[in-house]
Amino acid sequence: MKLNNILIFSIQLSLILFLSFEQIKVRWEISILYGNQDKINLEYQNLKEEEHKLKTEAYFLNSPARVERYAKERLLMQKVKPEIIKIEK
């Protein structure tokens, strides 16, 4: 009877130790995942800022005033004055 009680006690103690180690392991993994989530959120914010900068730059580069100035200065283009065409009936 005494041996049986010692066996049950040792099994319970082993189970408690095992579950305690598993709990520590799970908490450690959760903390790592929270850290990864923070890094991912920070990277997402940086990418959104970069996207905003790139869109702003694209709008600037495609602005009609800039395109016109580029055409005049670099390509030596000039505005053509419209010709007046008279239609007689």
N, C-alpha and C. Protein backbone atom coordinates (compact mmCIF):
# COMPACT_ATOMS: atom_id res chain seq x y z
N MET A 1 0.82 -1.19 0.00
CA MET A 1 0.00 0.00 0.00
C MET A 1 0.86 1.25 0.00
N LYS A 2 1.93 1.21 0.81
CA LYS A 2 2.82 2.34 0.89
C LYS A 2 3.56 2.57 -0.43
N LEU A 3 3.97 1.51 -1.06
CA LEU A 3 4.66 1.60 -2.34
C LEU A 3 3.74 2.17 -3.41
N ASN A 4 2.49 1.79 -3.35
CA ASN A 4 1.48 2.28 -4.29
C ASN A 4 1.30 3.79 -4.12
N ASN A 5 1.26 4.27 -2.88
CA ASN A 5 1.10 5.70 -2.62
C ASN A 5 2.32 6.49 -3.10
N ILE A 6 3.49 5.93 -2.89
CA ILE A 6 4.72 6.59 -3.35
C ILE A 6 4.75 6.67 -4.87
N LEU A 7 4.30 5.62 -5.52
CA LEU A 7 4.25 5.60 -6.99
C LEU A 7 3.27 6.65 -7.51
N ILE A 8 2.12 6.74 -6.92
CA ILE A 8 1.11 7.73 -7.34
C ILE A 8 1.65 9.14 -7.08
N PHE A 9 2.28 9.34 -5.93
CA PHE A 9 2.84 10.66 -5.62
C PHE A 9 3.93 11.06 -6.61
N SER A 10 4.81 10.11 -6.96
CA SER A 10 5.88 10.42 -7.91
C SER A 10 5.33 10.70 -9.31
N ILE A 11 4.29 9.99 -9.69
CA ILE A 11 3.66 10.25 -10.99
C ILE A 11 3.03 11.64 -10.99
N GLN A 12 2.36 12.00 -9.91
CA GLN A 12 1.74 13.33 -9.81
C GLN A 12 2.81 14.42 -9.82
N LEU A 13 3.87 14.21 -9.09
CA LEU A 13 4.95 15.18 -9.05
C LEU A 13 5.59 15.34 -10.43
N SER A 14 5.82 14.23 -11.12
CA SER A 14 6.38 14.27 -12.47
C SER A 14 5.46 15.02 -13.42
N LEU A 15 4.17 14.75 -13.31
CA LEU A 15 3.18 15.42 -14.16
C LEU A 15 3.16 16.92 -13.89
N ILE A 16 3.22 17.31 -12.62
CA ILE A 16 3.24 18.73 -12.27
C ILE A 16 4.49 19.41 -12.82
N LEU A 17 5.63 18.76 -12.69
CA LEU A 17 6.86 19.32 -13.24
C LEU A 17 6.80 19.46 -14.76
N PHE A 18 6.31 18.43 -15.41
CA PHE A 18 6.19 18.46 -16.88
C PHE A 18 5.28 19.60 -17.32
N LEU A 19 4.13 19.71 -16.65
CA LEU A 19 3.18 20.76 -17.04
C LEU A 19 3.74 22.15 -16.73
N SER A 20 4.51 22.28 -15.67
CA SER A 20 5.13 23.57 -15.34
C SER A 20 6.13 23.97 -16.43
N PHE A 21 6.95 23.02 -16.86
CA PHE A 21 7.90 23.31 -17.93
C PHE A 21 7.17 23.66 -19.24
N GLU A 22 6.10 22.97 -19.52
CA GLU A 22 5.32 23.27 -20.73
C GLU A 22 4.72 24.66 -20.65
N GLN A 23 4.25 25.05 -19.47
CA GLN A 23 3.68 26.39 -19.29
C GLN A 23 4.76 27.46 -19.51
N ILE A 24 5.93 27.23 -18.98
CA ILE A 24 7.03 28.18 -19.18
C ILE A 24 7.39 28.27 -20.66
N LYS A 25 7.42 27.14 -21.33
CA LYS A 25 7.75 27.12 -22.76
C LYS A 25 6.70 27.87 -23.58
N VAL A 26 5.44 27.66 -23.27
CA VAL A 26 4.36 28.33 -24.01
C VAL A 26 4.40 29.84 -23.77
N ARG A 27 4.62 30.26 -22.53
CA ARG A 27 4.72 31.70 -22.23
C ARG A 27 5.90 32.32 -22.97
N TRP A 28 7.01 31.63 -23.04
CA TRP A 28 8.17 32.13 -23.75
C TRP A 28 7.86 32.28 -25.25
N GLU A 29 7.19 31.30 -25.83
CA GLU A 29 6.82 31.37 -27.25
C GLU A 29 5.85 32.52 -27.50
N ILE A 30 4.92 32.73 -26.58
CA ILE A 30 3.96 33.84 -26.73
C ILE A 30 4.69 35.18 -26.68
N SER A 31 5.64 35.32 -25.77
CA SER A 31 6.38 36.58 -25.69
C SER A 31 7.18 36.83 -26.97
N ILE A 32 7.73 35.79 -27.55
CA ILE A 32 8.46 35.93 -28.81
C ILE A 32 7.50 36.35 -29.93
N LEU A 33 6.31 35.77 -29.94
CA LEU A 33 5.33 36.12 -30.97
C LEU A 33 4.86 37.57 -30.82
N TYR A 34 4.69 38.03 -29.59
CA TYR A 34 4.33 39.44 -29.39
C TYR A 34 5.45 40.35 -29.88
N GLY A 35 6.69 39.97 -29.63
CA GLY A 35 7.81 40.75 -30.14
C GLY A 35 7.83 40.79 -31.65
N ASN A 36 7.56 39.65 -32.28
CA ASN A 36 7.50 39.60 -33.74
C ASN A 36 6.37 40.46 -34.27
N GLN A 37 5.24 40.43 -33.57
CA GLN A 37 4.10 41.23 -34.01
C GLN A 37 4.44 42.72 -33.95
N ASP A 38 5.14 43.16 -32.92
CA ASP A 38 5.56 44.55 -32.83
C ASP A 38 6.49 44.92 -33.97
N LYS A 39 7.42 44.03 -34.29
CA LYS A 39 8.33 44.28 -35.41
C LYS A 39 7.57 44.37 -36.73
N ILE A 40 6.61 43.49 -36.91
CA ILE A 40 5.83 43.48 -38.15
C ILE A 40 4.99 44.76 -38.25
N ASN A 41 4.39 45.19 -37.14
CA ASN A 41 3.61 46.44 -37.16
C ASN A 41 4.49 47.63 -37.48
N LEU A 42 5.69 47.67 -36.93
CA LEU A 42 6.62 48.76 -37.20
C LEU A 42 7.02 48.76 -38.68
N GLU A 43 7.32 47.59 -39.21
CA GLU A 43 7.68 47.48 -40.63
C GLU A 43 6.51 47.89 -41.53
N TYR A 44 5.29 47.52 -41.13
CA TYR A 44 4.10 47.90 -41.89
C TYR A 44 3.95 49.42 -41.93
N GLN A 45 4.16 50.08 -40.78
CA GLN A 45 4.06 51.54 -40.74
C GLN A 45 5.14 52.18 -41.61
N ASN A 46 6.36 51.63 -41.57
CA ASN A 46 7.43 52.15 -42.42
C ASN A 46 7.09 51.99 -43.90
N LEU A 47 6.51 50.86 -44.25
CA LEU A 47 6.13 50.64 -45.65
C LEU A 47 5.01 51.58 -46.08
N LYS A 48 4.07 51.87 -45.19
CA LYS A 48 3.00 52.81 -45.52
C LYS A 48 3.56 54.21 -45.73
N GLU A 49 4.52 54.61 -44.90
CA GLU A 49 5.15 55.92 -45.07
C GLU A 49 5.92 55.98 -46.39
N GLU A 50 6.63 54.91 -46.71
CA GLU A 50 7.38 54.86 -47.97
C GLU A 50 6.43 54.92 -49.16
N GLU A 51 5.31 54.21 -49.07
CA GLU A 51 4.31 54.26 -50.14
C GLU A 51 3.78 55.68 -50.32
N HIS A 52 3.52 56.35 -49.21
CA HIS A 52 3.02 57.73 -49.28
C HIS A 52 4.05 58.64 -49.95
N LYS A 53 5.33 58.48 -49.58
CA LYS A 53 6.39 59.28 -50.20
C LYS A 53 6.49 59.01 -51.69
N LEU A 54 6.39 57.73 -52.07
CA LEU A 54 6.49 57.39 -53.49
C LEU A 54 5.30 57.93 -54.29
N LYS A 55 4.11 57.87 -53.71
CA LYS A 55 2.94 58.42 -54.41
C LYS A 55 3.09 59.92 -54.58
N THR A 56 3.56 60.59 -53.53
CA THR A 56 3.77 62.04 -53.62
C THR A 56 4.78 62.37 -54.69
N GLU A 57 5.86 61.61 -54.74
CA GLU A 57 6.89 61.84 -55.76
C GLU A 57 6.33 61.58 -57.16
N ALA A 58 5.52 60.55 -57.31
CA ALA A 58 4.92 60.26 -58.63
C ALA A 58 4.01 61.39 -59.07
N TYR A 59 3.20 61.92 -58.13
CA TYR A 59 2.33 63.04 -58.49
C TYR A 59 3.16 64.27 -58.88
N PHE A 60 4.26 64.48 -58.16
CA PHE A 60 5.13 65.62 -58.49
C PHE A 60 5.76 65.44 -59.87
N LEU A 61 6.28 64.25 -60.13
CA LEU A 61 6.94 64.02 -61.41
C LEU A 61 5.98 64.09 -62.58
N ASN A 62 4.72 63.75 -62.37
CA ASN A 62 3.75 63.77 -63.46
C ASN A 62 2.92 65.06 -63.51
N SER A 63 3.32 66.07 -62.75
CA SER A 63 2.54 67.31 -62.75
C SER A 63 2.67 68.01 -64.10
N PRO A 64 1.58 68.58 -64.59
CA PRO A 64 1.61 69.23 -65.90
C PRO A 64 2.64 70.36 -66.00
N ALA A 65 2.80 71.15 -64.94
CA ALA A 65 3.75 72.26 -64.98
C ALA A 65 5.18 71.74 -65.13
N ARG A 66 5.51 70.67 -64.43
CA ARG A 66 6.86 70.11 -64.51
C ARG A 66 7.10 69.49 -65.88
N VAL A 67 6.11 68.81 -66.41
CA VAL A 67 6.26 68.20 -67.74
C VAL A 67 6.45 69.29 -68.80
N GLU A 68 5.69 70.37 -68.65
CA GLU A 68 5.82 71.48 -69.61
C GLU A 68 7.20 72.12 -69.52
N ARG A 69 7.68 72.35 -68.31
CA ARG A 69 9.01 72.95 -68.13
C ARG A 69 10.10 72.03 -68.70
N TYR A 70 9.96 70.72 -68.46
CA TYR A 70 10.92 69.75 -68.99
C TYR A 70 10.92 69.78 -70.51
N ALA A 71 9.73 69.84 -71.09
CA ALA A 71 9.63 69.86 -72.55
C ALA A 71 10.28 71.11 -73.13
N LYS A 72 10.10 72.23 -72.47
CA LYS A 72 10.69 73.48 -72.97
C LYS A 72 12.21 73.49 -72.81
N GLU A 73 12.69 73.12 -71.64
CA GLU A 73 14.12 73.26 -71.34
C GLU A 73 14.96 72.13 -71.94
N ARG A 74 14.55 70.93 -71.77
CA ARG A 74 15.38 69.80 -72.19
C ARG A 74 15.13 69.38 -73.63
N LEU A 75 13.87 69.36 -74.01
CA LEU A 75 13.54 68.89 -75.36
C LEU A 75 13.41 70.03 -76.36
N LEU A 76 13.58 71.26 -75.87
CA LEU A 76 13.49 72.46 -76.72
C LEU A 76 12.20 72.52 -77.52
N MET A 77 11.13 72.17 -76.88
CA MET A 77 9.81 72.23 -77.53
C MET A 77 9.19 73.59 -77.24
N GLN A 78 8.32 74.00 -78.12
CA GLN A 78 7.64 75.27 -77.95
C GLN A 78 6.16 75.07 -78.12
N LYS A 79 5.41 75.96 -77.48
CA LYS A 79 3.98 75.90 -77.67
C LYS A 79 3.64 76.40 -79.07
N VAL A 80 2.76 75.72 -79.71
CA VAL A 80 2.33 76.10 -81.05
C VAL A 80 1.11 77.00 -80.90
N LYS A 81 1.20 78.13 -81.56
CA LYS A 81 0.06 79.04 -81.51
C LYS A 81 -0.99 78.54 -82.50
N PRO A 82 -2.22 78.55 -82.07
CA PRO A 82 -3.26 78.03 -82.98
C PRO A 82 -3.43 78.92 -84.21
N GLU A 83 -3.64 78.28 -85.31
CA GLU A 83 -3.87 79.00 -86.56
C GLU A 83 -5.35 79.33 -86.67
N ILE A 84 -5.61 80.49 -87.16
CA ILE A 84 -6.99 80.87 -87.35
C ILE A 84 -7.38 80.49 -88.78
N ILE A 85 -8.41 79.69 -88.84
CA ILE A 85 -8.88 79.22 -90.13
C ILE A 85 -10.25 79.85 -90.38
N LYS A 86 -10.34 80.55 -91.49
CA LYS A 86 -11.62 81.16 -91.82
C LYS A 86 -12.35 80.25 -92.79
N ILE A 87 -13.55 79.99 -92.45
CA ILE A 87 -14.39 79.19 -93.34
C ILE A 87 -15.43 80.10 -93.97
N GLU A 88 -15.37 80.18 -95.29
CA GLU A 88 -16.33 81.03 -95.98
C GLU A 88 -17.44 80.19 -96.56
N LYS A 89 -18.61 80.75 -96.46
CA LYS A 89 -19.76 80.02 -96.99
C LYS A 89 -20.16 80.52 -98.33
